[in-house]
Amino acid sequence: MNIRILPVFLSALVLGPWIAAAEVEWEPVIYPANQIFPSLIIGAAVVKAPEDAFPSWGDNHLGDPQGVIGIWARGVEPGSEIEVNLEENDYMKSVSFVATVGEGDDQFMAHPKISYKYGALARVKQAVPLDVTMELKVDGKSLGAQTVTATVRTVNDCLFGVTEDNEEKSYSDYSWLFAAYVNEDHPWVDRTLKEALATKIVSSFDGFQSGDPEQVLKQIFAVWNVMQRKGLNYSNVTTTAAESESVHSQHVRLFDESVEAAQANCVDGSVLLAAVLRKIGLDPCLVTVPGHMFLAVSLDDETMIGLETTMMGAADLDEVDAKRLRSFLKFDPEERKNEESWATFESAVDTGTAALLEAVEKMDAGDPDYQLIDLAEARGLGILPISSGTSPR
């Protein structure tokens, strides 16, 4: 009899905790939709859970409030200690995260603070699969490891929005991530400014110091002129290799790629020009409208113009009626150093300003498809430029 009772007793003693633990459900979760965006990880690496920029996790959440790789679990008793372990892979170092489950957290999300290999992420030039393996322990008892296969997107893929998988099909805006492609510290920017000074359109770049909107406009034109003479042409390359109905992204060339190819789509041209204008102390903004981006630049405290950057590569344009621009700024056309370049610039300002006025109306009405991305504000939040030459860590 004792021989029979002892195994039963031991099985209750040994298997009891395992049976309780087996009732826990859990799985790895990678946001959004099992896709990893190097642009998001690099660009937002030092962003602090802001009030209105990075959509943070809500209630019943443990760990990094801006985490995108973690677990979902249900059935863990309140007061239990959980441990989430991430196995090292090509883009992340191994990490262990420990937390205590609170009352009311019958189901929760937990995101470890991950140590990314930023250099490796910056070198991703085509989408690749990645197995991400995680282990969950509850009160020291392992519930095993699970692996999810994610898609690592190219560093050129900019996430700008997610249609969430919930009843409301709510939309999370990430358009501010375009600011990460504006790289005002790239060596190309200083070379461009040197060439712009050589045109003699302006004698110096002093930003807003003159207090004269005409002088500010001349500085913008000087940059436009030299970028045009570099042969930068419009190219409508926006498609990404990993399309998704719920995850919205666009291909954006890095600085070196646009300059080497002498091609730029609406985003490429806007971030290139924005970088140079930021370098000289101006306050450019990226304007996103459905399927398109252009630039907005302040001339003084009261005046902002739009600039349609896709016209930078245009040639042989018909004469444009820009009386509104000339009369306001009293810009002497005799000072133009390049008649064709000025004609395209005039047209780009006229077209961009009209589009800006329309976009502002949509923004004021709360339309999420229309966004004004203030680059100075983005830098203040901690959104970093993505460097073409990020070194491995």
Protein backbone atom coordinates (compact mmCIF):
# COMPACT_ATOMS: atom_id res chain seq x y z
CA MET A 1 0.00 0.00 0.00
CA ASN A 2 2.77 2.40 0.91
CA ILE A 3 4.39 1.69 -2.40
CA ARG A 4 1.20 2.87 -4.11
CA ILE A 5 0.53 5.87 -1.84
CA LEU A 6 4.03 7.27 -2.01
CA PRO A 7 4.05 7.83 -5.78
CA VAL A 8 0.61 9.45 -5.59
CA PHE A 9 1.80 11.76 -2.81
CA LEU A 10 4.98 12.60 -4.68
CA SER A 11 3.11 13.23 -7.91
CA ALA A 12 0.81 15.70 -6.13
CA LEU A 13 3.80 17.39 -4.55
CA VAL A 14 5.90 17.57 -7.71
CA LEU A 15 3.23 17.96 -10.40
CA GLY A 16 0.91 20.29 -8.49
CA PRO A 17 2.79 23.49 -9.37
CA TRP A 18 3.29 22.25 -12.95
CA ILE A 19 -0.45 21.64 -13.39
CA ALA A 20 -1.21 25.15 -12.12
CA ALA A 21 1.46 26.64 -14.37
CA ALA A 22 0.15 24.68 -17.36
CA GLU A 23 -3.11 26.65 -17.14
CA VAL A 24 -1.23 29.79 -18.14
CA GLU A 25 -1.55 30.77 -21.79
CA TRP A 26 1.16 32.86 -23.39
CA GLU A 27 2.80 33.67 -26.70
CA PRO A 28 5.49 35.97 -28.12
CA VAL A 29 4.19 39.16 -29.71
CA ILE A 30 6.03 41.42 -32.16
CA TYR A 31 4.44 44.76 -33.05
CA PRO A 32 3.30 45.57 -35.60
CA ALA A 33 2.09 42.33 -37.24
CA ASN A 34 5.35 40.42 -36.66
CA GLN A 35 7.38 43.06 -38.49
CA ILE A 36 10.54 44.71 -37.18
CA PHE A 37 11.35 48.18 -38.53
CA PRO A 38 15.01 49.23 -38.10
CA SER A 39 13.91 52.82 -38.81
CA LEU A 40 11.60 52.77 -35.79
CA ILE A 41 14.15 51.15 -33.48
CA ILE A 42 17.03 53.47 -34.49
CA GLY A 43 15.02 56.66 -34.91
CA ALA A 44 13.17 56.32 -31.60
CA ALA A 45 16.04 54.80 -29.58
CA VAL A 46 16.20 57.69 -27.10
CA VAL A 47 12.59 58.89 -27.24
CA LYS A 48 11.07 58.98 -23.76
CA ALA A 49 7.45 57.74 -23.65
CA PRO A 50 6.10 61.12 -24.74
CA GLU A 51 2.59 62.35 -24.30
CA ASP A 52 1.65 62.67 -27.94
CA ALA A 53 4.29 61.05 -30.18
CA PHE A 54 4.96 57.37 -29.50
CA PRO A 55 1.76 55.36 -28.94
CA SER A 56 2.50 53.60 -25.66
CA TRP A 57 0.90 50.46 -24.27
CA GLY A 58 -2.06 51.07 -21.99
CA ASP A 59 -3.25 49.20 -18.92
CA ASN A 60 -2.20 45.67 -17.95
CA HIS A 61 1.30 46.22 -19.22
CA LEU A 62 4.69 45.40 -17.71
CA GLY A 63 8.10 46.59 -18.78
CA ASP A 64 9.15 48.98 -21.56
CA PRO A 65 6.17 51.27 -22.34
CA GLN A 66 7.47 51.66 -25.90
CA GLY A 67 8.45 48.03 -26.40
CA VAL A 68 7.63 46.29 -29.66
CA ILE A 69 8.91 42.79 -28.81
CA GLY A 70 7.48 40.93 -25.84
CA ILE A 71 4.83 38.46 -24.72
CA TRP A 72 1.10 38.23 -24.11
CA ALA A 73 -0.01 36.03 -21.19
CA ARG A 74 -3.22 35.04 -19.45
CA GLY A 75 -3.95 33.05 -16.29
CA VAL A 76 -0.96 34.09 -14.15
CA GLU A 77 -1.98 34.54 -10.52
CA PRO A 78 -1.69 38.11 -9.14
CA GLY A 79 1.44 38.51 -7.06
CA SER A 80 3.34 35.94 -9.13
CA GLU A 81 6.80 36.79 -10.34
CA ILE A 82 7.34 36.44 -14.08
CA GLU A 83 10.62 36.27 -15.91
CA VAL A 84 10.79 36.86 -19.66
CA ASN A 85 13.98 35.75 -21.38
CA LEU A 86 14.91 36.75 -24.92
CA GLU A 87 17.44 34.61 -26.76
CA GLU A 88 20.21 36.46 -28.62
CA ASN A 89 19.84 36.73 -32.40
CA ASP A 90 21.41 38.66 -35.27
CA TYR A 91 19.80 41.95 -34.23
CA MET A 92 19.30 41.70 -30.46
CA LYS A 93 21.37 40.72 -27.45
CA SER A 94 19.99 38.28 -24.90
CA VAL A 95 17.98 39.91 -22.14
CA SER A 96 16.07 38.86 -19.02
CA PHE A 97 13.15 40.83 -17.60
CA VAL A 98 11.55 40.22 -14.18
CA ALA A 99 8.30 41.74 -12.89
CA THR A 100 5.43 41.05 -10.51
CA VAL A 101 1.91 40.58 -11.85
CA GLY A 102 -0.51 43.02 -10.29
CA GLU A 103 -4.14 42.66 -9.23
CA GLY A 104 -6.56 42.67 -12.13
CA ASP A 105 -3.91 41.61 -14.61
CA ASP A 106 -5.63 38.37 -15.63
CA GLN A 107 -4.10 38.96 -19.03
CA PHE A 108 -1.24 41.32 -19.74
CA MET A 109 1.56 42.31 -22.08
CA ALA A 110 5.21 42.33 -20.98
CA HIS A 111 8.03 43.97 -22.94
CA PRO A 112 11.68 43.63 -21.89
CA LYS A 113 13.95 46.61 -22.52
CA ILE A 114 15.87 45.14 -25.44
CA SER A 115 19.50 45.83 -26.23
CA TYR A 116 19.50 46.10 -30.03
CA LYS A 117 22.47 45.69 -32.33
CA TYR A 118 21.97 49.04 -34.04
CA GLY A 119 24.80 48.64 -36.53
CA ALA A 120 23.34 45.38 -37.83
CA LEU A 121 19.87 46.93 -38.11
CA ALA A 122 21.25 49.92 -40.05
CA ARG A 123 22.75 47.54 -42.61
CA VAL A 124 19.49 45.75 -43.48
CA LYS A 125 18.96 46.56 -47.16
CA GLN A 126 16.34 43.96 -47.97
CA ALA A 127 13.60 42.32 -45.93
CA VAL A 128 14.79 39.14 -44.17
CA PRO A 129 13.12 36.59 -41.87
CA LEU A 130 14.22 36.34 -38.24
CA ASP A 131 13.38 33.73 -35.60
CA VAL A 132 12.79 35.41 -32.25
CA THR A 133 12.80 32.97 -29.31
CA MET A 134 11.45 33.85 -25.86
CA GLU A 135 10.99 31.92 -22.61
CA LEU A 136 8.49 32.62 -19.83
CA LYS A 137 8.99 31.62 -16.20
CA VAL A 138 6.32 31.98 -13.50
CA ASP A 139 7.58 31.91 -9.91
CA GLY A 140 10.78 30.29 -11.11
CA LYS A 141 9.05 27.55 -13.10
CA SER A 142 9.75 27.57 -16.82
CA LEU A 143 6.76 27.33 -19.14
CA GLY A 144 9.10 26.58 -22.00
CA ALA A 145 10.30 28.63 -24.93
CA GLN A 146 8.40 29.71 -28.01
CA THR A 147 9.67 31.02 -31.32
CA VAL A 148 7.97 33.47 -33.67
CA THR A 149 9.29 34.20 -37.15
CA ALA A 150 9.32 37.93 -37.85
CA THR A 151 10.12 39.95 -40.95
CA VAL A 152 12.96 42.44 -40.50
CA ARG A 153 12.18 45.28 -42.87
CA THR A 154 14.86 47.20 -44.73
CA VAL A 155 16.20 50.32 -43.02
CA ASN A 156 14.68 52.28 -45.94
CA ASP A 157 11.14 51.25 -44.98
CA CYS A 158 9.60 54.05 -42.92
CA LEU A 159 6.63 53.01 -40.80
CA PHE A 160 4.10 55.83 -40.86
CA GLY A 161 0.91 54.24 -39.55
CA VAL A 162 -0.76 51.09 -38.21
CA THR A 163 -4.42 50.12 -38.50
CA GLU A 164 -4.84 48.35 -35.20
CA ASP A 165 -6.43 44.90 -34.92
CA ASN A 166 -9.28 45.89 -32.61
CA GLU A 167 -13.00 46.39 -32.89
CA GLU A 168 -12.66 50.08 -33.66
CA LYS A 169 -9.90 49.49 -36.24
CA SER A 170 -8.19 52.51 -34.68
CA TYR A 171 -5.21 54.13 -36.37
CA SER A 172 -1.83 54.75 -34.73
CA ASP A 173 0.14 57.54 -36.37
CA TYR A 174 3.90 57.13 -36.79
CA SER A 175 4.40 59.77 -39.48
CA TRP A 176 6.85 61.56 -37.17
CA LEU A 177 9.32 58.78 -38.02
CA PHE A 178 9.99 60.49 -41.36
CA ALA A 179 12.01 62.97 -39.29
CA ALA A 180 14.59 60.21 -38.76
CA TYR A 181 15.51 60.41 -42.46
CA VAL A 182 16.43 64.10 -42.18
CA ASN A 183 20.16 64.02 -41.52
CA GLU A 184 21.44 67.59 -41.08
CA ASP A 185 24.84 66.32 -39.89
CA HIS A 186 25.64 64.41 -43.10
CA PRO A 187 28.87 65.64 -44.81
CA TRP A 188 26.89 66.15 -48.03
CA VAL A 189 25.02 69.01 -46.38
CA ASP A 190 28.14 71.09 -45.74
CA ARG A 191 29.39 70.44 -49.30
CA THR A 192 26.05 71.57 -50.69
CA LEU A 193 26.11 74.79 -48.66
CA LYS A 194 29.63 75.55 -49.88
CA GLU A 195 28.49 75.14 -53.47
CA ALA A 196 25.40 77.26 -52.80
CA LEU A 197 27.56 80.13 -51.56
CA ALA A 198 29.62 79.87 -54.76
CA THR A 199 26.50 80.74 -56.80
CA LYS A 200 26.61 84.28 -55.27
CA ILE A 201 22.83 84.24 -54.84
CA VAL A 202 23.50 85.04 -51.19
CA SER A 203 26.69 86.14 -49.50
CA SER A 204 26.06 84.09 -46.37
CA PHE A 205 23.59 81.76 -44.70
CA ASP A 206 22.31 83.46 -41.58
CA GLY A 207 18.95 81.74 -41.09
CA PHE A 208 16.46 84.21 -39.62
CA GLN A 209 19.06 86.66 -38.30
CA SER A 210 18.33 89.31 -40.91
CA GLY A 211 14.67 89.43 -39.95
CA ASP A 212 13.94 89.85 -43.67
CA PRO A 213 11.65 87.24 -45.32
CA GLU A 214 13.14 88.16 -48.71
CA GLN A 215 16.61 87.22 -47.46
CA VAL A 216 15.25 83.95 -46.06
CA LEU A 217 13.64 83.16 -49.41
CA LYS A 218 16.92 83.88 -51.23
CA GLN A 219 18.71 81.40 -48.96
CA ILE A 220 16.12 78.73 -49.75
CA PHE A 221 16.46 79.45 -53.46
CA ALA A 222 20.27 79.26 -53.29
CA VAL A 223 20.00 75.75 -51.86
CA TRP A 224 17.31 74.82 -54.40
CA ASN A 225 19.49 76.11 -57.23
CA VAL A 226 22.57 74.10 -56.35
CA MET A 227 20.58 70.93 -55.68
CA GLN A 228 18.96 71.34 -59.08
CA ARG A 229 22.33 71.74 -60.77
CA LYS A 230 23.45 68.54 -59.09
CA GLY A 231 20.92 66.84 -61.38
CA LEU A 232 18.59 65.53 -58.69
CA ASN A 233 15.54 64.21 -60.54
CA TYR A 234 12.14 63.05 -59.37
CA SER A 235 11.67 59.27 -59.26
CA ASN A 236 8.45 57.76 -57.95
CA VAL A 237 10.00 54.84 -56.07
CA THR A 238 7.87 54.27 -52.98
CA THR A 239 6.92 50.59 -52.97
CA THR A 240 8.21 48.36 -50.19
CA ALA A 241 8.94 44.63 -50.53
CA ALA A 242 6.76 43.57 -47.61
CA GLU A 243 3.40 45.18 -48.23
CA SER A 244 0.70 44.87 -45.57
CA GLU A 245 -2.92 46.00 -45.36
CA SER A 246 -2.62 47.04 -41.72
CA VAL A 247 1.00 48.21 -41.57
CA HIS A 248 1.60 51.32 -43.66
CA SER A 249 5.12 52.18 -44.76
CA GLN A 250 7.07 53.85 -47.55
CA HIS A 251 10.49 53.36 -49.07
CA VAL A 252 12.79 56.30 -48.30
CA ARG A 253 16.30 56.56 -49.67
CA LEU A 254 19.11 57.42 -47.28
CA PHE A 255 21.26 60.44 -48.13
CA ASP A 256 24.03 58.55 -49.89
CA GLU A 257 21.55 56.62 -52.01
CA SER A 258 19.68 59.70 -53.26
CA VAL A 259 22.88 61.58 -54.05
CA GLU A 260 24.54 58.64 -55.78
CA ALA A 261 21.46 57.80 -57.85
CA ALA A 262 20.63 61.49 -58.47
CA GLN A 263 17.01 60.48 -57.95
CA ALA A 264 14.48 61.27 -55.25
CA ASN A 265 10.81 60.57 -54.66
CA CYS A 266 8.65 63.15 -52.90
CA VAL A 267 9.90 62.04 -49.48
CA ASP A 268 13.56 61.72 -50.51
CA GLY A 269 13.65 65.23 -51.97
CA SER A 270 11.82 66.72 -49.00
CA VAL A 271 14.14 65.21 -46.38
CA LEU A 272 17.24 66.19 -48.38
CA LEU A 273 16.19 69.81 -48.70
CA ALA A 274 14.92 69.91 -45.10
CA ALA A 275 18.31 68.76 -43.83
CA VAL A 276 20.14 71.59 -45.58
CA LEU A 277 17.63 74.20 -44.43
CA ARG A 278 17.88 73.00 -40.83
CA LYS A 279 21.66 73.27 -41.07
CA ILE A 280 21.42 76.99 -41.88
CA GLY A 281 19.08 77.63 -38.98
CA LEU A 282 15.66 77.59 -40.66
CA ASP A 283 12.64 75.66 -39.38
CA PRO A 284 11.38 73.37 -42.16
CA CYS A 285 8.47 70.99 -41.64
CA LEU A 286 7.51 67.88 -43.56
CA VAL A 287 3.90 67.91 -44.74
CA THR A 288 2.20 64.58 -45.39
CA VAL A 289 -1.03 64.31 -47.36
CA PRO A 290 -2.58 61.14 -48.82
CA GLY A 291 0.08 59.55 -51.03
CA HIS A 292 2.42 62.52 -51.02
CA MET A 293 4.88 64.68 -49.07
CA PHE A 294 6.18 68.20 -49.57
CA LEU A 295 8.00 70.82 -47.53
CA ALA A 296 6.83 73.82 -45.50
CA VAL A 297 9.26 76.54 -44.41
CA SER A 298 8.76 79.61 -42.23
CA LEU A 299 10.03 82.92 -43.63
CA ASP A 300 9.35 84.79 -40.39
CA ASP A 301 7.16 84.48 -37.32
CA GLU A 302 4.00 85.02 -39.34
CA THR A 303 4.61 83.54 -42.78
CA MET A 304 5.05 79.95 -43.91
CA ILE A 305 5.34 78.84 -47.52
CA GLY A 306 5.00 75.39 -49.07
CA LEU A 307 7.59 73.94 -51.42
CA GLU A 308 6.79 71.16 -53.89
CA THR A 309 10.13 69.35 -53.99
CA THR A 310 9.18 67.02 -56.87
CA MET A 311 9.54 70.04 -59.18
CA MET A 312 13.23 70.27 -58.40
CA GLY A 313 14.13 68.18 -61.44
CA ALA A 314 11.63 69.82 -63.80
CA ALA A 315 12.89 71.61 -66.90
CA ASP A 316 11.43 73.80 -69.65
CA LEU A 317 8.48 74.87 -67.52
CA ASP A 318 6.03 77.38 -68.94
CA GLU A 319 6.10 80.82 -67.37
CA VAL A 320 4.21 80.83 -64.09
CA ASP A 321 2.14 83.61 -62.60
CA ALA A 322 3.80 84.27 -59.27
CA LYS A 323 2.64 87.85 -58.74
CA ARG A 324 1.43 86.95 -55.26
CA LEU A 325 4.90 85.78 -54.25
CA ARG A 326 6.73 88.69 -55.89
CA SER A 327 4.43 91.39 -54.60
CA PHE A 328 4.64 90.07 -51.05
CA LEU A 329 8.40 89.68 -50.94
CA LYS A 330 9.35 92.38 -53.47
CA PHE A 331 11.94 90.01 -54.84
CA ASP A 332 13.86 91.59 -57.73
CA PRO A 333 13.85 89.11 -60.64
CA GLU A 334 16.98 90.79 -62.00
CA GLU A 335 18.92 89.21 -59.18
CA ARG A 336 18.16 85.75 -60.46
CA LYS A 337 21.33 83.79 -61.24
CA ASN A 338 19.55 81.03 -63.10
CA GLU A 339 16.35 81.87 -64.96
CA GLU A 340 15.16 78.30 -65.43
CA SER A 341 15.95 77.38 -61.84
CA TRP A 342 14.05 80.42 -60.56
CA ALA A 343 11.05 79.51 -62.74
CA THR A 344 10.86 76.03 -61.23
CA PHE A 345 11.39 77.42 -57.75
CA GLU A 346 8.62 79.98 -58.26
CA SER A 347 6.28 77.28 -59.48
CA ALA A 348 7.25 74.94 -56.63
CA VAL A 349 6.49 77.65 -54.04
CA ASP A 350 3.20 78.56 -55.70
CA THR A 351 2.09 74.93 -55.93
CA GLY A 352 3.37 73.99 -52.48
CA THR A 353 1.80 76.97 -50.74
CA ALA A 354 -1.59 76.24 -52.29
CA ALA A 355 -1.28 72.61 -51.14
CA LEU A 356 -0.20 73.76 -47.66
CA LEU A 357 -3.26 75.97 -47.24
CA GLU A 358 -5.50 73.06 -48.18
CA ALA A 359 -3.63 70.68 -45.88
CA VAL A 360 -3.89 73.08 -42.91
CA GLU A 361 -7.67 73.12 -43.30
CA LYS A 362 -7.69 69.31 -43.14
CA MET A 363 -5.38 69.31 -40.12
CA ASP A 364 -7.59 71.80 -38.31
CA ALA A 365 -10.53 69.49 -39.00
CA GLY A 366 -8.63 66.60 -37.37
CA ASP A 367 -8.03 64.53 -40.51
CA PRO A 368 -5.21 62.05 -39.60
CA ASP A 369 -4.17 61.71 -43.26
CA TYR A 370 -2.78 65.25 -43.11
CA GLN A 371 0.20 65.84 -40.83
CA LEU A 372 2.71 68.63 -40.26
CA ILE A 373 5.95 67.14 -38.93
CA ASP A 374 7.89 69.85 -37.13
CA LEU A 375 11.53 68.77 -37.34
CA ALA A 376 12.67 70.98 -34.46
CA GLU A 377 9.98 69.44 -32.26
CA ALA A 378 10.94 65.94 -33.44
CA ARG A 379 14.56 66.52 -32.46
CA GLY A 380 13.36 67.84 -29.12
CA LEU A 381 11.52 64.59 -28.52
CA GLY A 382 14.73 62.67 -29.24
CA ILE A 383 14.05 61.34 -32.74
CA LEU A 384 17.50 60.65 -34.16
CA PRO A 385 18.69 60.81 -37.78
CA ILE A 386 19.38 57.44 -39.37
CA SER A 387 23.01 57.51 -40.41
CA SER A 388 24.11 55.87 -43.65
CA GLY A 389 27.33 54.90 -41.90
CA THR A 390 26.11 53.68 -38.53
CA SER A 391 28.93 51.59 -37.05
CA PRO A 392 28.25 48.23 -35.44
CA ARG A 393 28.07 47.91 -31.67
